[in-house]
Structures are given as structure tokens and as C-alpha cells.
Amino acid sequence: MPGRSPRPRAGRGARAAGEGHRIRSTFRPQPTLTLLWALGEEDTRRAIEAVPERAIAAVLAWIEDEAAIIRIGAQGVYKVRPVHGLVAARFRHYEARSGMPLLHDHLLLSVKAQRPDGKWGSCGFALRVSLSH
């Protein structure tokens, strides 16, 4: 249905299954680069498509190295980094819902990570930042 959310809305405060176990982010180039990407030749398009890939890799590395922590021990007194990094999935889209060209990537980042003892635990983030404007 036009103008309607594809997901039915739950009651106030209710969460969809799995909600809260991930962080969702969207990465897209500046509008001028998107226009150049949409109208450019194949080499130009490939070069522009590589930019978000490098940005996403840099952001994930920064989160893993600087922000992601797991609390362990009695009452979570010890803070450690995830042993094998974080689990993430990326989905690339080439157009907006309207059908207009819009290069963008969706990133789903799990807040579950492996602890040093091999068990999986909830990952917190030492720094809270907003990257949207």
C-alpha cells in the first residue's frame, strides 16, 4: 500500500522479534556523488561504489577497536573487547523506494559478541555518538 509501513505497528513500547539485538545504520554518498554515480560511465560508477565500502570498513574497525566492550565477571566489573570482532551484515541498494537512483548501503550490526571464555554476550559501546545530521 502506498504511504503505509510494510510492517504492522505493535502497541506502544512493543518490539519486533529481534529488535534491540542489532544496530541499524545507512551509508550513502553525498547527493552530488549520487548524481555523478547515476549519470556517470562505468569506471566512474565503480569508483564511487568503492567509497562507501571503505567507509563502512573504517567505521566497523573503529567501533571494534575503540567502542565495543563486553562486561564480564561479577557484576560486570571487567571490560574486554570482543574476541573475534563483531558480526555485521551489509545490504547494497541502488535505488530509493520511489525508483530514483540512490546508491546506499544498510548495515546491521549485532550487539552480541564472543567473550574470552568462548560464550556469547551482549556488547555495549563505550562511546555513544550520533553520525546523522
N, C-alpha and C. Protein backbone atom coordinates (compact mmCIF):
# COMPACT_ATOMS: atom_id res chain seq x y z
N MET A 1 0.83 -1.18 0.00
CA MET A 1 0.00 0.00 0.00
C MET A 1 0.88 1.24 0.00
N PRO A 2 0.61 2.19 -0.86
CA PRO A 2 1.40 3.41 -0.88
C PRO A 2 1.24 4.19 0.43
N GLY A 3 2.37 4.68 0.92
CA GLY A 3 2.34 5.51 2.12
C GLY A 3 2.16 4.75 3.42
N ARG A 4 2.16 3.43 3.38
CA ARG A 4 1.99 2.64 4.59
C ARG A 4 3.26 1.87 4.88
N SER A 5 3.54 1.66 6.15
CA SER A 5 4.69 0.87 6.55
C SER A 5 4.46 -0.59 6.16
N PRO A 6 5.51 -1.29 5.67
CA PRO A 6 5.34 -2.70 5.34
C PRO A 6 5.16 -3.57 6.57
N ARG A 7 5.53 -3.08 7.74
CA ARG A 7 5.37 -3.84 8.98
C ARG A 7 4.17 -3.33 9.76
N PRO A 8 3.34 -4.22 10.27
CA PRO A 8 2.26 -3.75 11.13
C PRO A 8 2.83 -3.15 12.40
N ARG A 9 2.22 -2.13 12.91
CA ARG A 9 2.71 -1.47 14.12
C ARG A 9 2.19 -2.20 15.35
N ALA A 10 3.09 -2.45 16.26
CA ALA A 10 2.70 -3.08 17.51
C ALA A 10 2.28 -1.99 18.49
N GLY A 11 1.79 -2.41 19.62
CA GLY A 11 1.38 -1.45 20.64
C GLY A 11 2.56 -0.65 21.15
N ARG A 12 2.28 0.43 21.84
CA ARG A 12 3.33 1.31 22.35
C ARG A 12 4.31 0.54 23.23
N GLY A 13 5.59 0.70 22.94
CA GLY A 13 6.62 0.04 23.73
C GLY A 13 6.91 -1.38 23.30
N ALA A 14 6.11 -1.95 22.40
CA ALA A 14 6.36 -3.32 21.94
C ALA A 14 7.50 -3.32 20.93
N ARG A 15 8.21 -4.43 20.85
CA ARG A 15 9.32 -4.56 19.91
C ARG A 15 9.05 -5.70 18.95
N ALA A 16 9.56 -5.54 17.75
CA ALA A 16 9.51 -6.64 16.78
C ALA A 16 10.49 -7.71 17.22
N ALA A 17 10.33 -8.93 16.73
CA ALA A 17 11.24 -10.02 17.09
C ALA A 17 12.67 -9.63 16.73
N GLY A 18 13.59 -9.78 17.67
CA GLY A 18 14.99 -9.47 17.41
C GLY A 18 15.33 -8.00 17.58
N GLU A 19 14.35 -7.15 17.76
CA GLU A 19 14.62 -5.72 17.93
C GLU A 19 15.43 -5.52 19.21
N GLY A 20 16.40 -4.67 19.18
CA GLY A 20 17.25 -4.45 20.34
C GLY A 20 18.51 -5.31 20.33
N HIS A 21 18.60 -6.25 19.40
CA HIS A 21 19.78 -7.10 19.30
C HIS A 21 20.67 -6.69 18.15
N ARG A 22 20.40 -5.52 17.60
CA ARG A 22 21.19 -5.04 16.47
C ARG A 22 21.15 -3.52 16.41
N ILE A 23 22.12 -3.01 15.69
CA ILE A 23 22.18 -1.57 15.42
C ILE A 23 22.05 -1.42 13.92
N ARG A 24 21.16 -0.56 13.49
CA ARG A 24 20.95 -0.35 12.05
C ARG A 24 21.55 1.00 11.65
N SER A 25 22.28 1.00 10.54
CA SER A 25 22.87 2.23 10.01
C SER A 25 22.71 2.23 8.49
N THR A 26 22.67 3.42 7.94
CA THR A 26 22.62 3.57 6.49
C THR A 26 23.77 4.47 6.06
N PHE A 27 24.47 4.04 5.04
CA PHE A 27 25.59 4.80 4.48
C PHE A 27 25.25 5.17 3.05
N ARG A 28 25.42 6.44 2.72
CA ARG A 28 25.23 6.85 1.33
C ARG A 28 26.11 8.04 1.03
N PRO A 29 26.56 8.13 -0.23
CA PRO A 29 27.40 9.26 -0.62
C PRO A 29 26.60 10.57 -0.61
N GLN A 30 27.31 11.67 -0.67
CA GLN A 30 26.66 12.97 -0.78
C GLN A 30 25.81 13.01 -2.04
N PRO A 31 24.75 13.83 -2.05
CA PRO A 31 23.86 13.89 -3.22
C PRO A 31 24.58 14.17 -4.54
N THR A 32 25.61 15.01 -4.52
CA THR A 32 26.32 15.30 -5.77
C THR A 32 27.03 14.05 -6.30
N LEU A 33 27.58 13.23 -5.39
CA LEU A 33 28.22 11.99 -5.82
C LEU A 33 27.18 10.99 -6.32
N THR A 34 26.02 10.98 -5.70
CA THR A 34 24.96 10.09 -6.17
C THR A 34 24.54 10.46 -7.58
N LEU A 35 24.45 11.75 -7.85
CA LEU A 35 24.10 12.22 -9.19
C LEU A 35 25.18 11.82 -10.19
N LEU A 36 26.43 12.03 -9.82
CA LEU A 36 27.54 11.63 -10.68
C LEU A 36 27.53 10.12 -10.91
N TRP A 37 27.23 9.37 -9.86
CA TRP A 37 27.15 7.91 -9.97
C TRP A 37 26.02 7.52 -10.94
N ALA A 38 24.86 8.16 -10.81
CA ALA A 38 23.71 7.82 -11.65
C ALA A 38 23.95 8.14 -13.12
N LEU A 39 24.67 9.23 -13.38
CA LEU A 39 24.86 9.68 -14.76
C LEU A 39 26.23 9.32 -15.34
N GLY A 40 27.12 8.82 -14.49
CA GLY A 40 28.50 8.57 -14.92
C GLY A 40 28.67 7.29 -15.73
N GLU A 41 29.86 7.17 -16.28
CA GLU A 41 30.22 5.96 -17.02
C GLU A 41 30.62 4.87 -16.05
N GLU A 42 30.82 3.68 -16.57
CA GLU A 42 31.05 2.51 -15.73
C GLU A 42 32.25 2.68 -14.79
N ASP A 43 33.37 3.22 -15.25
CA ASP A 43 34.54 3.42 -14.39
C ASP A 43 34.23 4.39 -13.26
N THR A 44 33.50 5.45 -13.56
CA THR A 44 33.12 6.43 -12.55
C THR A 44 32.20 5.79 -11.52
N ARG A 45 31.24 5.01 -11.98
CA ARG A 45 30.31 4.34 -11.08
C ARG A 45 31.05 3.39 -10.13
N ARG A 46 31.98 2.61 -10.67
CA ARG A 46 32.72 1.67 -9.82
C ARG A 46 33.56 2.40 -8.77
N ALA A 47 34.18 3.51 -9.17
CA ALA A 47 34.99 4.28 -8.21
C ALA A 47 34.11 4.83 -7.09
N ILE A 48 32.94 5.34 -7.44
CA ILE A 48 32.04 5.90 -6.42
C ILE A 48 31.48 4.78 -5.54
N GLU A 49 31.19 3.62 -6.10
CA GLU A 49 30.69 2.50 -5.31
C GLU A 49 31.72 1.99 -4.31
N ALA A 50 33.00 2.19 -4.58
CA ALA A 50 34.05 1.73 -3.67
C ALA A 50 34.15 2.61 -2.43
N VAL A 51 33.72 3.86 -2.53
CA VAL A 51 33.86 4.79 -1.41
C VAL A 51 33.07 4.34 -0.19
N PRO A 52 31.77 4.01 -0.30
CA PRO A 52 31.06 3.55 0.90
C PRO A 52 31.62 2.26 1.47
N GLU A 53 32.16 1.39 0.63
CA GLU A 53 32.76 0.15 1.13
C GLU A 53 33.93 0.45 2.06
N ARG A 54 34.78 1.39 1.66
CA ARG A 54 35.91 1.78 2.52
C ARG A 54 35.42 2.47 3.78
N ALA A 55 34.39 3.28 3.66
CA ALA A 55 33.84 3.99 4.83
C ALA A 55 33.26 3.00 5.82
N ILE A 56 32.51 2.03 5.34
CA ILE A 56 31.91 1.04 6.23
C ILE A 56 33.00 0.23 6.93
N ALA A 57 34.02 -0.18 6.20
CA ALA A 57 35.13 -0.93 6.81
C ALA A 57 35.82 -0.10 7.88
N ALA A 58 36.03 1.19 7.62
CA ALA A 58 36.68 2.06 8.60
C ALA A 58 35.81 2.25 9.84
N VAL A 59 34.51 2.43 9.65
CA VAL A 59 33.60 2.61 10.79
C VAL A 59 33.57 1.34 11.64
N LEU A 60 33.45 0.18 11.00
CA LEU A 60 33.44 -1.07 11.76
C LEU A 60 34.74 -1.29 12.53
N ALA A 61 35.86 -1.00 11.89
CA ALA A 61 37.15 -1.14 12.58
C ALA A 61 37.22 -0.21 13.79
N TRP A 62 36.74 1.02 13.63
CA TRP A 62 36.76 1.96 14.75
C TRP A 62 35.87 1.48 15.88
N ILE A 63 34.67 1.00 15.55
CA ILE A 63 33.77 0.50 16.60
C ILE A 63 34.40 -0.68 17.33
N GLU A 64 34.99 -1.63 16.57
CA GLU A 64 35.62 -2.79 17.20
C GLU A 64 36.79 -2.39 18.08
N ASP A 65 37.62 -1.46 17.61
CA ASP A 65 38.85 -1.08 18.33
C ASP A 65 38.62 -0.10 19.47
N GLU A 66 37.64 0.78 19.33
CA GLU A 66 37.51 1.88 20.28
C GLU A 66 36.25 1.87 21.13
N ALA A 67 35.16 1.29 20.64
CA ALA A 67 33.89 1.48 21.32
C ALA A 67 33.27 0.21 21.88
N ALA A 68 33.40 -0.92 21.20
CA ALA A 68 32.70 -2.14 21.61
C ALA A 68 33.36 -2.77 22.83
N ILE A 69 32.56 -3.02 23.85
CA ILE A 69 33.05 -3.69 25.06
C ILE A 69 32.04 -4.72 25.52
N ILE A 70 32.55 -5.74 26.20
CA ILE A 70 31.70 -6.73 26.85
C ILE A 70 32.09 -6.72 28.32
N ARG A 71 31.11 -6.66 29.17
CA ARG A 71 31.38 -6.71 30.61
C ARG A 71 31.34 -8.16 31.07
N ILE A 72 32.36 -8.56 31.82
CA ILE A 72 32.41 -9.93 32.36
C ILE A 72 32.77 -9.86 33.83
N GLY A 73 32.66 -10.99 34.50
CA GLY A 73 32.98 -11.05 35.91
C GLY A 73 31.76 -10.70 36.75
N ALA A 74 31.94 -10.81 38.05
CA ALA A 74 30.85 -10.49 38.98
C ALA A 74 30.39 -9.06 38.78
N GLN A 75 29.13 -8.89 38.50
CA GLN A 75 28.50 -7.59 38.27
C GLN A 75 29.16 -6.81 37.13
N GLY A 76 29.80 -7.52 36.22
CA GLY A 76 30.37 -6.89 35.03
C GLY A 76 31.50 -5.92 35.31
N VAL A 77 32.34 -6.23 36.29
CA VAL A 77 33.40 -5.30 36.68
C VAL A 77 34.53 -5.20 35.65
N TYR A 78 34.70 -6.24 34.83
CA TYR A 78 35.78 -6.21 33.84
C TYR A 78 35.21 -5.87 32.46
N LYS A 79 35.92 -5.00 31.76
CA LYS A 79 35.52 -4.63 30.40
C LYS A 79 36.56 -5.17 29.43
N VAL A 80 36.10 -5.96 28.45
CA VAL A 80 37.00 -6.53 27.45
C VAL A 80 36.44 -6.27 26.06
N ARG A 81 37.30 -6.34 25.07
CA ARG A 81 36.89 -6.19 23.67
C ARG A 81 36.38 -7.55 23.18
N PRO A 82 35.45 -7.57 22.22
CA PRO A 82 35.02 -8.84 21.63
C PRO A 82 36.22 -9.59 21.05
N VAL A 83 36.28 -10.89 21.30
CA VAL A 83 37.43 -11.70 20.91
C VAL A 83 37.64 -11.74 19.40
N HIS A 84 36.60 -12.00 18.65
CA HIS A 84 36.72 -12.16 17.20
C HIS A 84 36.02 -11.04 16.44
N GLY A 85 35.94 -9.88 17.03
CA GLY A 85 35.28 -8.76 16.36
C GLY A 85 33.78 -8.84 16.48
N LEU A 86 33.10 -8.10 15.64
CA LEU A 86 31.66 -8.00 15.67
C LEU A 86 31.05 -8.70 14.46
N VAL A 87 29.78 -9.02 14.55
CA VAL A 87 29.05 -9.64 13.46
C VAL A 87 28.21 -8.57 12.78
N ALA A 88 28.38 -8.44 11.48
CA ALA A 88 27.65 -7.41 10.74
C ALA A 88 27.21 -7.96 9.39
N ALA A 89 26.13 -7.40 8.87
CA ALA A 89 25.66 -7.73 7.53
C ALA A 89 25.41 -6.43 6.78
N ARG A 90 25.79 -6.40 5.51
CA ARG A 90 25.61 -5.20 4.69
C ARG A 90 24.75 -5.55 3.49
N PHE A 91 23.82 -4.65 3.18
CA PHE A 91 22.95 -4.82 2.02
C PHE A 91 23.07 -3.57 1.17
N ARG A 92 23.45 -3.74 -0.09
CA ARG A 92 23.60 -2.60 -1.00
C ARG A 92 22.33 -2.44 -1.83
N HIS A 93 21.88 -1.19 -1.92
CA HIS A 93 20.73 -0.85 -2.75
C HIS A 93 21.16 0.22 -3.75
N TYR A 94 20.54 0.21 -4.89
CA TYR A 94 20.91 1.13 -5.96
C TYR A 94 19.82 2.15 -6.28
N GLU A 95 18.69 2.03 -5.63
CA GLU A 95 17.63 3.00 -5.87
C GLU A 95 16.79 3.16 -4.60
N ALA A 96 16.09 4.29 -4.56
CA ALA A 96 15.19 4.58 -3.46
C ALA A 96 13.88 3.83 -3.69
N ARG A 97 13.01 3.83 -2.70
CA ARG A 97 11.70 3.20 -2.87
C ARG A 97 10.92 3.81 -4.02
N SER A 98 11.19 5.06 -4.31
CA SER A 98 10.49 5.75 -5.40
C SER A 98 10.97 5.29 -6.78
N GLY A 99 12.07 4.55 -6.83
CA GLY A 99 12.63 4.11 -8.09
C GLY A 99 13.73 5.02 -8.62
N MET A 100 13.94 6.14 -7.95
CA MET A 100 15.00 7.07 -8.36
C MET A 100 16.36 6.48 -7.96
N PRO A 101 17.42 6.76 -8.74
CA PRO A 101 18.76 6.25 -8.39
C PRO A 101 19.20 6.79 -7.02
N LEU A 102 19.64 5.88 -6.17
CA LEU A 102 20.14 6.28 -4.85
C LEU A 102 21.04 5.16 -4.34
N LEU A 103 22.33 5.32 -4.52
CA LEU A 103 23.29 4.35 -4.03
C LEU A 103 23.35 4.46 -2.51
N HIS A 104 23.07 3.37 -1.82
CA HIS A 104 23.17 3.38 -0.35
C HIS A 104 23.32 1.95 0.16
N ASP A 105 23.91 1.85 1.35
CA ASP A 105 24.13 0.56 1.99
C ASP A 105 23.48 0.57 3.36
N HIS A 106 22.81 -0.54 3.68
CA HIS A 106 22.27 -0.74 5.01
C HIS A 106 23.22 -1.66 5.76
N LEU A 107 23.53 -1.33 6.99
CA LEU A 107 24.42 -2.13 7.80
C LEU A 107 23.67 -2.55 9.06
N LEU A 108 23.64 -3.85 9.32
CA LEU A 108 23.08 -4.38 10.56
C LEU A 108 24.23 -4.91 11.39
N LEU A 109 24.36 -4.38 12.58
CA LEU A 109 25.47 -4.74 13.46
C LEU A 109 24.88 -5.43 14.69
N SER A 110 25.26 -6.67 14.91
CA SER A 110 24.76 -7.41 16.06
C SER A 110 25.39 -6.85 17.34
N VAL A 111 24.62 -6.81 18.40
CA VAL A 111 25.18 -6.40 19.69
C VAL A 111 25.59 -7.62 20.52
N LYS A 112 25.58 -8.78 19.90
CA LYS A 112 26.08 -9.99 20.54
C LYS A 112 27.49 -10.26 20.01
N ALA A 113 28.41 -10.60 20.90
CA ALA A 113 29.79 -10.85 20.51
C ALA A 113 30.38 -11.93 21.42
N GLN A 114 31.47 -12.53 20.95
CA GLN A 114 32.08 -13.62 21.70
C GLN A 114 33.01 -13.07 22.78
N ARG A 115 32.86 -13.62 23.98
CA ARG A 115 33.69 -13.23 25.12
C ARG A 115 34.96 -14.09 25.13
N PRO A 116 35.95 -13.72 25.95
CA PRO A 116 37.19 -14.52 26.02
C PRO A 116 36.96 -15.96 26.46
N ASP A 117 35.89 -16.24 27.22
CA ASP A 117 35.63 -17.61 27.65
C ASP A 117 34.90 -18.44 26.59
N GLY A 118 34.66 -17.86 25.40
CA GLY A 118 34.02 -18.57 24.31
C GLY A 118 32.51 -18.42 24.28
N LYS A 119 31.93 -17.92 25.35
CA LYS A 119 30.48 -17.70 25.38
C LYS A 119 30.14 -16.39 24.67
N TRP A 120 28.88 -16.27 24.29
CA TRP A 120 28.42 -15.06 23.63
C TRP A 120 27.71 -14.19 24.65
N GLY A 121 27.97 -12.90 24.56
CA GLY A 121 27.34 -11.96 25.48
C GLY A 121 26.94 -10.68 24.77
N SER A 122 26.23 -9.85 25.49
CA SER A 122 25.81 -8.57 24.93
C SER A 122 26.97 -7.60 24.93
N CYS A 123 27.10 -6.93 23.84
CA CYS A 123 28.18 -5.97 23.66
C CYS A 123 27.64 -4.57 23.91
N GLY A 124 28.33 -3.83 24.74
CA GLY A 124 27.98 -2.44 24.97
C GLY A 124 28.93 -1.57 24.19
N PHE A 125 28.66 -0.30 24.20
CA PHE A 125 29.51 0.62 23.46
C PHE A 125 29.94 1.73 24.40
N ALA A 126 31.27 1.86 24.55
CA ALA A 126 31.84 2.82 25.49
C ALA A 126 31.56 4.25 25.10
N LEU A 127 31.42 4.50 23.82
CA LEU A 127 31.15 5.84 23.32
C LEU A 127 29.81 5.85 22.61
N ARG A 128 29.03 6.85 22.87
CA ARG A 128 27.76 6.97 22.16
C ARG A 128 27.86 8.23 21.30
N VAL A 129 27.74 8.02 20.00
CA VAL A 129 27.83 9.15 19.07
C VAL A 129 26.66 9.10 18.10
N SER A 130 26.33 10.23 17.57
CA SER A 130 25.32 10.31 16.53
C SER A 130 26.01 10.75 15.25
N LEU A 131 25.91 9.93 14.22
CA LEU A 131 26.56 10.24 12.97
C LEU A 131 25.59 10.85 11.97
N SER A 132 24.34 11.02 12.37
CA SER A 132 23.37 11.62 11.46
C SER A 132 23.31 13.12 11.73
N HIS A 133 22.83 13.86 10.76
CA HIS A 133 22.74 15.31 10.92
C HIS A 133 21.33 15.79 10.86
